[in-house]
Amino acid sequence: MERTLAIIKPDAVARNLIGNFISRIEANEFRVVATKRAWLTKELAERFYAVHKERPFFNSLTDFMCSGPIVLMVLEHDNAVMGWRELMGATNPAEASEGTIRKEFGLDLERNSSHGSDSPENATMEIAFFFSQTEILP
């Protein structure tokens, strides 16, 4: 069983889409083993997205991620990282495949409604960034 971090971003939380996301996650046989709601500070968003610090979109991304509450989840599935990325769809909702979360709920490249780890190694680090072991179901 593999785990990945999933984030419902501020744009989707503001539009009351949390239940839609969880329904899609569960319908695709992922198990939600941890969840919580948070509101990131600019400092926390900058630390989480530090890998993008030199990119031109870093400031707008971190501003956006602390613009409202988010929902953090740890998902479990046989192939959680790739499975969640496939269910989310392409980063740009305009390029995402029909039936994906970003195609259905994403507004634009930045407000694409969801985040997912891009590798099992990053999933481990991202999960540990937001969750302690006592918050995750065994």
C-alpha atoms as a PDB file:
ATOM      1  CA  MET A   1       0.000   0.000   0.000  1.00  0.00           C
ATOM      2  CA  GLU A   2       1.341   3.432  -0.964  1.00  0.00           C
ATOM      3  CA  ARG A   3       0.442   6.810   0.480  1.00  0.00           C
ATOM      4  CA  THR A   4       0.275  10.276  -1.027  1.00  0.00           C
ATOM      5  CA  LEU A   5      -0.587  13.778   0.105  1.00  0.00           C
ATOM      6  CA  ALA A   6      -3.678  15.392  -1.389  1.00  0.00           C
ATOM      7  CA  ILE A   7      -4.607  19.029  -0.873  1.00  0.00           C
ATOM      8  CA  ILE A   8      -7.938  20.601  -1.713  1.00  0.00           C
ATOM      9  CA  LYS A   9      -6.812  24.143  -2.490  1.00  0.00           C
ATOM     10  CA  PRO A  10      -8.447  27.409  -1.342  1.00  0.00           C
ATOM     11  CA  ASP A  11     -10.429  27.912  -4.562  1.00  0.00           C
ATOM     12  CA  ALA A  12     -12.201  24.559  -4.204  1.00  0.00           C
ATOM     13  CA  VAL A  13     -12.749  24.925  -0.450  1.00  0.00           C
ATOM     14  CA  ALA A  14     -14.302  28.374  -1.016  1.00  0.00           C
ATOM     15  CA  ARG A  15     -16.716  26.840  -3.537  1.00  0.00           C
ATOM     16  CA  ASN A  16     -17.806  24.116  -1.056  1.00  0.00           C
ATOM     17  CA  LEU A  17     -16.378  21.243  -3.141  1.00  0.00           C
ATOM     18  CA  ILE A  18     -14.861  19.201  -0.298  1.00  0.00           C
ATOM     19  CA  GLY A  19     -17.592  16.550  -0.399  1.00  0.00           C
ATOM     20  CA  ASN A  20     -17.266  16.246  -4.178  1.00  0.00           C
ATOM     21  CA  PHE A  21     -13.549  15.584  -3.827  1.00  0.00           C
ATOM     22  CA  ILE A  22     -13.988  12.993  -1.092  1.00  0.00           C
ATOM     23  CA  SER A  23     -16.733  11.226  -3.067  1.00  0.00           C
ATOM     24  CA  ARG A  24     -14.431  11.019  -6.106  1.00  0.00           C
ATOM     25  CA  ILE A  25     -11.525   9.824  -3.967  1.00  0.00           C
ATOM     26  CA  GLU A  26     -13.576   7.073  -2.336  1.00  0.00           C
ATOM     27  CA  ALA A  27     -15.280   6.076  -5.616  1.00  0.00           C
ATOM     28  CA  ASN A  28     -11.787   5.451  -7.004  1.00  0.00           C
ATOM     29  CA  GLU A  29     -10.984   3.115  -4.100  1.00  0.00           C
ATOM     30  CA  PHE A  30      -8.569   5.381  -2.259  1.00  0.00           C
ATOM     31  CA  ARG A  31      -8.670   5.167   1.514  1.00  0.00           C
ATOM     32  CA  VAL A  32      -8.499   8.473   3.406  1.00  0.00           C
ATOM     33  CA  VAL A  33      -6.208   7.669   6.351  1.00  0.00           C
ATOM     34  CA  ALA A  34      -5.813  11.249   7.621  1.00  0.00           C
ATOM     35  CA  THR A  35      -7.551  14.547   7.033  1.00  0.00           C
ATOM     36  CA  LYS A  36      -7.580  18.029   8.494  1.00  0.00           C
ATOM     37  CA  ARG A  37      -8.433  21.566   7.583  1.00  0.00           C
ATOM     38  CA  ALA A  38      -5.798  24.301   7.811  1.00  0.00           C
ATOM     39  CA  TRP A  39      -5.100  27.873   6.815  1.00  0.00           C
ATOM     40  CA  LEU A  40      -1.471  28.245   5.790  1.00  0.00           C
ATOM     41  CA  THR A  41       0.636  31.227   6.734  1.00  0.00           C
ATOM     42  CA  LYS A  42       2.833  32.752   4.036  1.00  0.00           C
ATOM     43  CA  GLU A  43       5.897  31.329   5.815  1.00  0.00           C
ATOM     44  CA  LEU A  44       4.448  27.808   5.879  1.00  0.00           C
ATOM     45  CA  ALA A  45       3.401  27.999   2.220  1.00  0.00           C
ATOM     46  CA  GLU A  46       6.896  29.197   1.275  1.00  0.00           C
ATOM     47  CA  ARG A  47       8.506  26.327   3.200  1.00  0.00           C
ATOM     48  CA  PHE A  48       6.181  23.752   1.624  1.00  0.00           C
ATOM     49  CA  TYR A  49       6.767  25.050  -1.921  1.00  0.00           C
ATOM     50  CA  ALA A  50      10.487  25.846  -1.399  1.00  0.00           C
ATOM     51  CA  VAL A  51      11.387  23.606  -4.348  1.00  0.00           C
ATOM     52  CA  HIS A  52       9.771  26.254  -6.595  1.00  0.00           C
ATOM     53  CA  LYS A  53      11.493  29.249  -4.935  1.00  0.00           C
ATOM     54  CA  GLU A  54      13.358  30.280  -8.111  1.00  0.00           C
ATOM     55  CA  ARG A  55      10.331  29.911 -10.383  1.00  0.00           C
ATOM     56  CA  PRO A  56       8.459  33.027 -11.547  1.00  0.00           C
ATOM     57  CA  PHE A  57       5.156  31.747 -10.112  1.00  0.00           C
ATOM     58  CA  PHE A  58       6.482  31.151  -6.567  1.00  0.00           C
ATOM     59  CA  ASN A  59       5.077  34.342  -4.988  1.00  0.00           C
ATOM     60  CA  SER A  60       1.655  34.091  -6.597  1.00  0.00           C
ATOM     61  CA  LEU A  61       1.463  30.368  -5.709  1.00  0.00           C
ATOM     62  CA  THR A  62       2.334  30.936  -2.065  1.00  0.00           C
ATOM     63  CA  ASP A  63       0.018  33.961  -1.844  1.00  0.00           C
ATOM     64  CA  PHE A  64      -2.800  31.864  -3.281  1.00  0.00           C
ATOM     65  CA  MET A  65      -2.155  28.904  -0.974  1.00  0.00           C
ATOM     66  CA  CYS A  66      -2.535  31.127   2.094  1.00  0.00           C
ATOM     67  CA  SER A  67      -5.552  33.039   0.735  1.00  0.00           C
ATOM     68  CA  GLY A  68      -8.070  30.740   2.432  1.00  0.00           C
ATOM     69  CA  PRO A  69      -8.495  27.400   4.161  1.00  0.00           C
ATOM     70  CA  ILE A  70      -7.308  24.152   2.603  1.00  0.00           C
ATOM     71  CA  VAL A  71      -8.075  20.504   3.284  1.00  0.00           C
ATOM     72  CA  LEU A  72      -5.121  18.172   3.709  1.00  0.00           C
ATOM     73  CA  MET A  73      -5.486  14.421   3.270  1.00  0.00           C
ATOM     74  CA  VAL A  74      -3.307  11.361   3.286  1.00  0.00           C
ATOM     75  CA  LEU A  75      -4.598   8.888   0.717  1.00  0.00           C
ATOM     76  CA  GLU A  76      -3.758   5.219   0.593  1.00  0.00           C
ATOM     77  CA  HIS A  77      -3.992   2.975  -2.476  1.00  0.00           C
ATOM     78  CA  ASP A  78      -1.888   0.354  -4.257  1.00  0.00           C
ATOM     79  CA  ASN A  79      -0.441   3.043  -6.536  1.00  0.00           C
ATOM     80  CA  ALA A  80      -1.487   6.168  -4.625  1.00  0.00           C
ATOM     81  CA  VAL A  81       0.902   8.746  -6.091  1.00  0.00           C
ATOM     82  CA  MET A  82       0.263   8.027  -9.759  1.00  0.00           C
ATOM     83  CA  GLY A  83      -3.368   7.096  -9.172  1.00  0.00           C
ATOM     84  CA  TRP A  84      -4.113  10.417  -7.453  1.00  0.00           C
ATOM     85  CA  ARG A  85      -2.229  12.357 -10.136  1.00  0.00           C
ATOM     86  CA  GLU A  86      -4.279  10.613 -12.829  1.00  0.00           C
ATOM     87  CA  LEU A  87      -7.530  11.353 -10.987  1.00  0.00           C
ATOM     88  CA  MET A  88      -6.524  15.032 -10.603  1.00  0.00           C
ATOM     89  CA  GLY A  89      -5.541  15.457 -14.249  1.00  0.00           C
ATOM     90  CA  ALA A  90      -3.082  17.868 -15.857  1.00  0.00           C
ATOM     91  CA  THR A  91      -1.925  20.889 -13.840  1.00  0.00           C
ATOM     92  CA  ASN A  92      -3.644  23.221 -16.296  1.00  0.00           C
ATOM     93  CA  PRO A  93      -7.390  22.485 -16.192  1.00  0.00           C
ATOM     94  CA  ALA A  94      -7.697  23.547 -19.840  1.00  0.00           C
ATOM     95  CA  GLU A  95      -5.367  20.648 -20.762  1.00  0.00           C
ATOM     96  CA  ALA A  96      -6.791  18.105 -18.304  1.00  0.00           C
ATOM     97  CA  SER A  97      -8.662  15.061 -19.567  1.00  0.00           C
ATOM     98  CA  GLU A  98     -12.435  14.845 -19.306  1.00  0.00           C
ATOM     99  CA  GLY A  99     -13.562  13.251 -16.062  1.00  0.00           C
ATOM    100  CA  THR A 100     -10.587  14.482 -14.018  1.00  0.00           C
ATOM    101  CA  ILE A 101     -10.908  16.653 -10.935  1.00  0.00           C
ATOM    102  CA  ARG A 102      -8.989  19.574 -12.387  1.00  0.00           C
ATOM    103  CA  LYS A 103     -10.996  19.510 -15.628  1.00  0.00           C
ATOM    104  CA  GLU A 104     -14.253  19.564 -13.678  1.00  0.00           C
ATOM    105  CA  PHE A 105     -13.351  21.888 -10.794  1.00  0.00           C
ATOM    106  CA  GLY A 106     -10.153  23.778 -11.700  1.00  0.00           C
ATOM    107  CA  LEU A 107     -10.508  27.420 -12.681  1.00  0.00           C
ATOM    108  CA  ASP A 108      -7.099  28.103 -14.223  1.00  0.00           C
ATOM    109  CA  LEU A 109      -3.441  27.087 -14.019  1.00  0.00           C
ATOM    110  CA  GLU A 110      -2.962  28.535 -10.538  1.00  0.00           C
ATOM    111  CA  ARG A 111      -6.437  27.890  -9.117  1.00  0.00           C
ATOM    112  CA  ASN A 112      -6.513  24.269 -10.227  1.00  0.00           C
ATOM    113  CA  SER A 113      -8.258  23.073  -7.049  1.00  0.00           C
ATOM    114  CA  SER A 114      -5.899  20.275  -5.999  1.00  0.00           C
ATOM    115  CA  HIS A 115      -2.347  19.258  -5.185  1.00  0.00           C
ATOM    116  CA  GLY A 116      -0.774  15.830  -5.204  1.00  0.00           C
ATOM    117  CA  SER A 117       2.690  14.532  -4.489  1.00  0.00           C
ATOM    118  CA  ASP A 118       4.736  13.817  -7.616  1.00  0.00           C
ATOM    119  CA  SER A 119       6.730  10.826  -6.340  1.00  0.00           C
ATOM    120  CA  PRO A 120       6.630   8.346  -3.464  1.00  0.00           C
ATOM    121  CA  GLU A 121       9.701  10.042  -1.953  1.00  0.00           C
ATOM    122  CA  ASN A 122       8.076  13.477  -2.070  1.00  0.00           C
ATOM    123  CA  ALA A 123       4.837  11.999  -0.742  1.00  0.00           C
ATOM    124  CA  THR A 124       6.690  10.795   2.367  1.00  0.00           C
ATOM    125  CA  MET A 125       8.222  14.255   2.917  1.00  0.00           C
ATOM    126  CA  GLU A 126       4.991  16.148   2.186  1.00  0.00           C
ATOM    127  CA  ILE A 127       2.926  13.946   4.496  1.00  0.00           C
ATOM    128  CA  ALA A 128       5.470  14.438   7.299  1.00  0.00           C
ATOM    129  CA  PHE A 129       5.373  18.211   6.682  1.00  0.00           C
ATOM    130  CA  PHE A 130       1.683  18.384   7.618  1.00  0.00           C
ATOM    131  CA  PHE A 131       0.902  15.267   9.686  1.00  0.00           C
ATOM    132  CA  SER A 132       2.378  13.556  12.720  1.00  0.00           C
ATOM    133  CA  GLN A 133       2.269   9.772  12.849  1.00  0.00           C
ATOM    134  CA  THR A 134      -0.437   9.906  15.531  1.00  0.00           C
ATOM    135  CA  GLU A 135      -2.761  11.668  13.068  1.00  0.00           C
ATOM    136  CA  ILE A 136      -2.555   8.925  10.448  1.00  0.00           C
ATOM    137  CA  LEU A 137      -4.543   5.704  10.704  1.00  0.00           C
ATOM    138  CA  PRO A 138      -2.396   2.565  10.728  1.00  0.00           C
END
